[in-house]
Amino acid sequence: ATLQWKKVSNAKGYEIQRYQSSQWKRVATTSSTSYTVKGLKLGTTYKFRVRAYSSAYGAFSSTLSVKTGPSNVKGFKAKSKTVSSIKLVWKKGSDATGYRIQQYINKEWVTVVKSTKKTTATIKNVTPGKANKFKIAAIKKVDGKTYVGLYSSVLSVKAPALSRPTALKAASATDTS
């Protein structure tokens, strides 16, 4: 898990702690505002906190709970779009066994692709002329359990609008009564 936080002015470094065996234990110190904790077990929830130090230690951050999952999906984008569908593509993840896609429909996130092993999906439930919103997460299946990684940032894709009819004219003007 990669942890990130905002820089504290006048800090010389940061101490990262993890809660384990009913107590807080130091994981590392760093001068950076991010740190990757390694050796974590998939599908497990871990608690972390960070504090800055200079000549003395500052107060701890709030506690962050992180549930481990497969790596984040990279390169998520729209490859093509029509009035009735949007084709999404992404890069294959090294530890993913599949992918899940959600779409924002009627003010809620709905899973539109529960699981695919491919690195492409065509979504047919789109609104022409409007922004259609999607997000993706990697899936890893181990021993019959499915672990879902963090969802990507939202991808907004405007599907083309239907063209309006043009050159309207009367082909004939006969009385039909």
C-alpha atoms as a PDB file:
ATOM      1  CA  ALA A   1       0.000   0.000   0.000  1.00  0.00           C
ATOM      2  CA  THR A   2       1.318   3.437  -0.895  1.00  0.00           C
ATOM      3  CA  LEU A   3       0.461   6.087   1.677  1.00  0.00           C
ATOM      4  CA  GLN A   4       0.508   9.806   0.843  1.00  0.00           C
ATOM      5  CA  TRP A   5       0.030  12.946   2.950  1.00  0.00           C
ATOM      6  CA  LYS A   6       0.466  16.708   2.724  1.00  0.00           C
ATOM      7  CA  LYS A   7       3.808  18.304   3.530  1.00  0.00           C
ATOM      8  CA  VAL A   8       4.117  19.772   7.023  1.00  0.00           C
ATOM      9  CA  SER A   9       6.093  23.037   7.061  1.00  0.00           C
ATOM     10  CA  ASN A  10       9.404  22.874   8.981  1.00  0.00           C
ATOM     11  CA  ALA A  11       9.258  19.068   9.222  1.00  0.00           C
ATOM     12  CA  LYS A  12      12.539  17.206   8.748  1.00  0.00           C
ATOM     13  CA  GLY A  13      10.781  13.894   8.236  1.00  0.00           C
ATOM     14  CA  TYR A  14       7.817  11.667   8.984  1.00  0.00           C
ATOM     15  CA  GLU A  15       7.257   8.544  11.055  1.00  0.00           C
ATOM     16  CA  ILE A  16       4.798   5.949   9.705  1.00  0.00           C
ATOM     17  CA  GLN A  17       3.164   3.547  12.163  1.00  0.00           C
ATOM     18  CA  ARG A  18       0.968   0.469  11.680  1.00  0.00           C
ATOM     19  CA  TYR A  19      -1.444  -0.971  14.221  1.00  0.00           C
ATOM     20  CA  GLN A  20      -0.695  -4.641  14.849  1.00  0.00           C
ATOM     21  CA  SER A  21      -0.920  -7.023  17.805  1.00  0.00           C
ATOM     22  CA  SER A  22      -3.020  -4.468  19.727  1.00  0.00           C
ATOM     23  CA  GLN A  23      -0.420  -1.711  19.545  1.00  0.00           C
ATOM     24  CA  TRP A  24       1.090   0.899  17.225  1.00  0.00           C
ATOM     25  CA  LYS A  25       4.489  -0.053  15.771  1.00  0.00           C
ATOM     26  CA  ARG A  26       6.886   1.995  13.686  1.00  0.00           C
ATOM     27  CA  VAL A  27       7.016   0.915  10.032  1.00  0.00           C
ATOM     28  CA  ALA A  28       9.540   3.477   8.808  1.00  0.00           C
ATOM     29  CA  THR A  29      10.723   7.062   8.772  1.00  0.00           C
ATOM     30  CA  THR A  30      11.055   9.071   5.579  1.00  0.00           C
ATOM     31  CA  SER A  31      11.703  12.627   4.414  1.00  0.00           C
ATOM     32  CA  SER A  32       9.188  12.141   1.586  1.00  0.00           C
ATOM     33  CA  THR A  33       5.405  12.765   1.720  1.00  0.00           C
ATOM     34  CA  SER A  34       4.668   9.218   0.558  1.00  0.00           C
ATOM     35  CA  TYR A  35       5.753   5.766   1.544  1.00  0.00           C
ATOM     36  CA  THR A  36       5.091   2.286   0.138  1.00  0.00           C
ATOM     37  CA  VAL A  37       4.514  -0.358   2.796  1.00  0.00           C
ATOM     38  CA  LYS A  38       5.535  -3.775   1.499  1.00  0.00           C
ATOM     39  CA  GLY A  39       4.840  -7.318   2.653  1.00  0.00           C
ATOM     40  CA  LEU A  40       1.105  -6.839   3.223  1.00  0.00           C
ATOM     41  CA  LYS A  41      -1.340  -9.716   2.818  1.00  0.00           C
ATOM     42  CA  LEU A  42      -3.996  -9.471   0.074  1.00  0.00           C
ATOM     43  CA  GLY A  43      -7.542  -8.801   1.297  1.00  0.00           C
ATOM     44  CA  THR A  44      -6.432  -7.683   4.766  1.00  0.00           C
ATOM     45  CA  THR A  45      -7.334  -4.374   6.425  1.00  0.00           C
ATOM     46  CA  TYR A  46      -4.417  -2.461   7.942  1.00  0.00           C
ATOM     47  CA  LYS A  47      -4.429   0.731  10.030  1.00  0.00           C
ATOM     48  CA  PHE A  48      -1.770   3.417   9.600  1.00  0.00           C
ATOM     49  CA  ARG A  49      -0.954   6.819  11.015  1.00  0.00           C
ATOM     50  CA  VAL A  50       1.786   9.378  10.340  1.00  0.00           C
ATOM     51  CA  ARG A  51       3.421  12.156  12.317  1.00  0.00           C
ATOM     52  CA  ALA A  52       5.969  14.795  11.409  1.00  0.00           C
ATOM     53  CA  TYR A  53       9.192  15.392  13.293  1.00  0.00           C
ATOM     54  CA  SER A  54      11.840  18.071  13.506  1.00  0.00           C
ATOM     55  CA  SER A  55      13.584  18.509  16.865  1.00  0.00           C
ATOM     56  CA  ALA A  56      10.520  16.815  18.421  1.00  0.00           C
ATOM     57  CA  TYR A  57       7.555  14.761  17.185  1.00  0.00           C
ATOM     58  CA  GLY A  58       4.275  16.388  16.196  1.00  0.00           C
ATOM     59  CA  ALA A  59       0.773  15.019  16.649  1.00  0.00           C
ATOM     60  CA  PHE A  60      -0.344  11.945  14.714  1.00  0.00           C
ATOM     61  CA  SER A  61      -2.587  12.152  11.679  1.00  0.00           C
ATOM     62  CA  SER A  62      -6.001  10.586  11.841  1.00  0.00           C
ATOM     63  CA  THR A  63      -5.948   6.808  11.429  1.00  0.00           C
ATOM     64  CA  LEU A  64      -6.226   5.484   7.878  1.00  0.00           C
ATOM     65  CA  SER A  65      -7.683   2.013   7.278  1.00  0.00           C
ATOM     66  CA  VAL A  66      -6.485   0.379   4.061  1.00  0.00           C
ATOM     67  CA  LYS A  67      -7.773  -2.902   2.648  1.00  0.00           C
ATOM     68  CA  THR A  68      -5.209  -4.417   0.321  1.00  0.00           C
ATOM     69  CA  GLY A  69      -6.181  -5.434  -3.171  1.00  0.00           C
ATOM     70  CA  PRO A  70      -4.621  -5.783  -6.614  1.00  0.00           C
ATOM     71  CA  SER A  71      -2.712  -2.870  -8.164  1.00  0.00           C
ATOM     72  CA  ASN A  72      -4.518   0.141  -9.594  1.00  0.00           C
ATOM     73  CA  VAL A  73      -5.514   0.032 -13.266  1.00  0.00           C
ATOM     74  CA  LYS A  74      -3.434   2.228 -15.579  1.00  0.00           C
ATOM     75  CA  GLY A  75      -4.233   3.784 -18.964  1.00  0.00           C
ATOM     76  CA  PHE A  76      -8.035   3.776 -18.564  1.00  0.00           C
ATOM     77  CA  LYS A  77      -9.508   5.753 -21.496  1.00  0.00           C
ATOM     78  CA  ALA A  78     -12.133   5.805 -24.224  1.00  0.00           C
ATOM     79  CA  LYS A  79     -10.898   4.399 -27.538  1.00  0.00           C
ATOM     80  CA  SER A  80     -14.016   5.134 -29.583  1.00  0.00           C
ATOM     81  CA  LYS A  81     -17.546   6.422 -29.119  1.00  0.00           C
ATOM     82  CA  THR A  82     -20.817   6.483 -31.021  1.00  0.00           C
ATOM     83  CA  VAL A  83     -24.298   7.712 -30.121  1.00  0.00           C
ATOM     84  CA  SER A  84     -25.092   4.239 -28.758  1.00  0.00           C
ATOM     85  CA  SER A  85     -21.819   2.901 -27.295  1.00  0.00           C
ATOM     86  CA  ILE A  86     -18.429   3.776 -25.821  1.00  0.00           C
ATOM     87  CA  LYS A  87     -15.412   1.475 -26.142  1.00  0.00           C
ATOM     88  CA  LEU A  88     -13.124   1.614 -23.093  1.00  0.00           C
ATOM     89  CA  VAL A  89      -9.533   0.337 -22.999  1.00  0.00           C
ATOM     90  CA  TRP A  90      -6.833  -0.017 -20.311  1.00  0.00           C
ATOM     91  CA  LYS A  91      -3.455  -1.611 -19.706  1.00  0.00           C
ATOM     92  CA  LYS A  92      -3.117  -5.151 -18.386  1.00  0.00           C
ATOM     93  CA  GLY A  93      -2.205  -5.206 -14.689  1.00  0.00           C
ATOM     94  CA  SER A  94       0.586  -7.523 -13.579  1.00  0.00           C
ATOM     95  CA  ASP A  95      -1.361  -8.941 -10.624  1.00  0.00           C
ATOM     96  CA  ALA A  96      -4.951  -8.652 -11.909  1.00  0.00           C
ATOM     97  CA  THR A  97      -6.994 -11.694 -12.900  1.00  0.00           C
ATOM     98  CA  GLY A  98      -9.817  -9.483 -14.167  1.00  0.00           C
ATOM     99  CA  TYR A  99     -11.436  -6.054 -14.139  1.00  0.00           C
ATOM    100  CA  ARG A 100     -14.712  -4.498 -12.940  1.00  0.00           C
ATOM    101  CA  ILE A 101     -16.280  -1.374 -14.480  1.00  0.00           C
ATOM    102  CA  GLN A 102     -18.866   0.900 -12.926  1.00  0.00           C
ATOM    103  CA  GLN A 103     -20.947   3.588 -14.621  1.00  0.00           C
ATOM    104  CA  TYR A 104     -22.686   6.547 -12.988  1.00  0.00           C
ATOM    105  CA  ILE A 105     -26.389   6.096 -13.799  1.00  0.00           C
ATOM    106  CA  ASN A 106     -29.317   7.919 -12.136  1.00  0.00           C
ATOM    107  CA  LYS A 107     -27.103   9.440  -9.416  1.00  0.00           C
ATOM    108  CA  GLU A 108     -25.463   6.161  -8.344  1.00  0.00           C
ATOM    109  CA  TRP A 109     -22.538   3.931  -9.341  1.00  0.00           C
ATOM    110  CA  VAL A 110     -23.740   0.757 -11.049  1.00  0.00           C
ATOM    111  CA  THR A 111     -21.544  -2.221 -11.964  1.00  0.00           C
ATOM    112  CA  VAL A 112     -21.897  -2.610 -15.743  1.00  0.00           C
ATOM    113  CA  VAL A 113     -19.058  -5.133 -16.186  1.00  0.00           C
ATOM    114  CA  LYS A 114     -18.787  -7.444 -13.176  1.00  0.00           C
ATOM    115  CA  SER A 115     -15.704  -9.286 -14.385  1.00  0.00           C
ATOM    116  CA  THR A 116     -13.734  -9.424 -17.610  1.00  0.00           C
ATOM    117  CA  LYS A 117     -10.262 -10.741 -18.346  1.00  0.00           C
ATOM    118  CA  LYS A 118      -9.993  -8.562 -21.453  1.00  0.00           C
ATOM    119  CA  THR A 119      -8.449  -5.069 -21.533  1.00  0.00           C
ATOM    120  CA  THR A 120     -11.358  -3.618 -23.475  1.00  0.00           C
ATOM    121  CA  ALA A 121     -15.111  -3.306 -22.956  1.00  0.00           C
ATOM    122  CA  THR A 122     -17.900  -1.763 -25.020  1.00  0.00           C
ATOM    123  CA  ILE A 123     -20.592  -0.094 -22.922  1.00  0.00           C
ATOM    124  CA  LYS A 124     -23.918   0.170 -24.724  1.00  0.00           C
ATOM    125  CA  ASN A 125     -26.006   1.996 -22.090  1.00  0.00           C
ATOM    126  CA  VAL A 126     -24.830   5.530 -22.934  1.00  0.00           C
ATOM    127  CA  THR A 127     -26.552   8.890 -23.154  1.00  0.00           C
ATOM    128  CA  PRO A 128     -25.898  10.657 -26.489  1.00  0.00           C
ATOM    129  CA  GLY A 129     -24.698  14.249 -26.229  1.00  0.00           C
ATOM    130  CA  LYS A 130     -23.964  13.953 -22.500  1.00  0.00           C
ATOM    131  CA  ALA A 131     -20.997  13.109 -20.301  1.00  0.00           C
ATOM    132  CA  ASN A 132     -21.016   9.420 -19.400  1.00  0.00           C
ATOM    133  CA  LYS A 133     -18.935   8.599 -16.309  1.00  0.00           C
ATOM    134  CA  PHE A 134     -16.983   5.387 -15.685  1.00  0.00           C
ATOM    135  CA  LYS A 135     -14.454   3.984 -13.234  1.00  0.00           C
ATOM    136  CA  ILE A 136     -12.525   0.714 -13.194  1.00  0.00           C
ATOM    137  CA  ALA A 137     -10.909  -1.550 -10.612  1.00  0.00           C
ATOM    138  CA  ALA A 138      -8.639  -4.553 -10.913  1.00  0.00           C
ATOM    139  CA  ILE A 139      -9.842  -7.891  -9.546  1.00  0.00           C
ATOM    140  CA  LYS A 140      -7.711 -10.704  -8.186  1.00  0.00           C
ATOM    141  CA  LYS A 141      -9.180 -14.130  -7.477  1.00  0.00           C
ATOM    142  CA  VAL A 142      -7.298 -16.286  -4.966  1.00  0.00           C
ATOM    143  CA  ASP A 143      -8.568 -19.552  -3.428  1.00  0.00           C
ATOM    144  CA  GLY A 144     -12.152 -18.875  -4.517  1.00  0.00           C
ATOM    145  CA  LYS A 145     -12.214 -15.344  -3.057  1.00  0.00           C
ATOM    146  CA  THR A 146     -12.494 -12.201  -5.181  1.00  0.00           C
ATOM    147  CA  TYR A 147     -10.490  -9.150  -4.111  1.00  0.00           C
ATOM    148  CA  VAL A 148     -11.336  -5.792  -5.693  1.00  0.00           C
ATOM    149  CA  GLY A 149      -8.679  -3.072  -5.865  1.00  0.00           C
ATOM    150  CA  LEU A 150      -9.237   0.652  -5.570  1.00  0.00           C
ATOM    151  CA  TYR A 151     -11.369   2.230  -8.268  1.00  0.00           C
ATOM    152  CA  SER A 152      -9.680   4.599 -10.709  1.00  0.00           C
ATOM    153  CA  SER A 153     -10.465   8.277 -10.877  1.00  0.00           C
ATOM    154  CA  VAL A 154     -13.635   8.995 -12.840  1.00  0.00           C
ATOM    155  CA  LEU A 155     -13.385   8.915 -16.633  1.00  0.00           C
ATOM    156  CA  SER A 156     -15.923  11.242 -18.246  1.00  0.00           C
ATOM    157  CA  VAL A 157     -16.708  10.562 -21.913  1.00  0.00           C
ATOM    158  CA  LYS A 158     -19.113  12.657 -23.966  1.00  0.00           C
ATOM    159  CA  ALA A 159     -20.953  10.470 -26.431  1.00  0.00           C
ATOM    160  CA  PRO A 160     -21.784  12.233 -29.704  1.00  0.00           C
ATOM    161  CA  ALA A 161     -25.280  13.644 -29.947  1.00  0.00           C
ATOM    162  CA  LEU A 162     -27.712  12.533 -32.628  1.00  0.00           C
ATOM    163  CA  SER A 163     -27.679  14.982 -35.512  1.00  0.00           C
ATOM    164  CA  ARG A 164     -30.822  16.968 -36.042  1.00  0.00           C
ATOM    165  CA  PRO A 165     -32.655  16.531 -39.332  1.00  0.00           C
ATOM    166  CA  THR A 166     -31.807  19.213 -41.899  1.00  0.00           C
ATOM    167  CA  ALA A 167     -33.206  20.416 -45.248  1.00  0.00           C
ATOM    168  CA  LEU A 168     -36.801  19.768 -44.253  1.00  0.00           C
ATOM    169  CA  LYS A 169     -39.136  20.488 -47.185  1.00  0.00           C
ATOM    170  CA  ALA A 170     -42.434  19.381 -48.568  1.00  0.00           C
ATOM    171  CA  ALA A 171     -42.002  16.705 -51.214  1.00  0.00           C
ATOM    172  CA  SER A 172     -45.551  17.306 -52.326  1.00  0.00           C
ATOM    173  CA  ALA A 173     -48.398  19.515 -51.189  1.00  0.00           C
ATOM    174  CA  THR A 174     -51.491  17.651 -52.375  1.00  0.00           C
ATOM    175  CA  ASP A 175     -54.782  17.694 -50.574  1.00  0.00           C
ATOM    176  CA  THR A 176     -55.147  14.335 -48.782  1.00  0.00           C
ATOM    177  CA  SER A 177     -58.852  14.656 -47.889  1.00  0.00           C
END
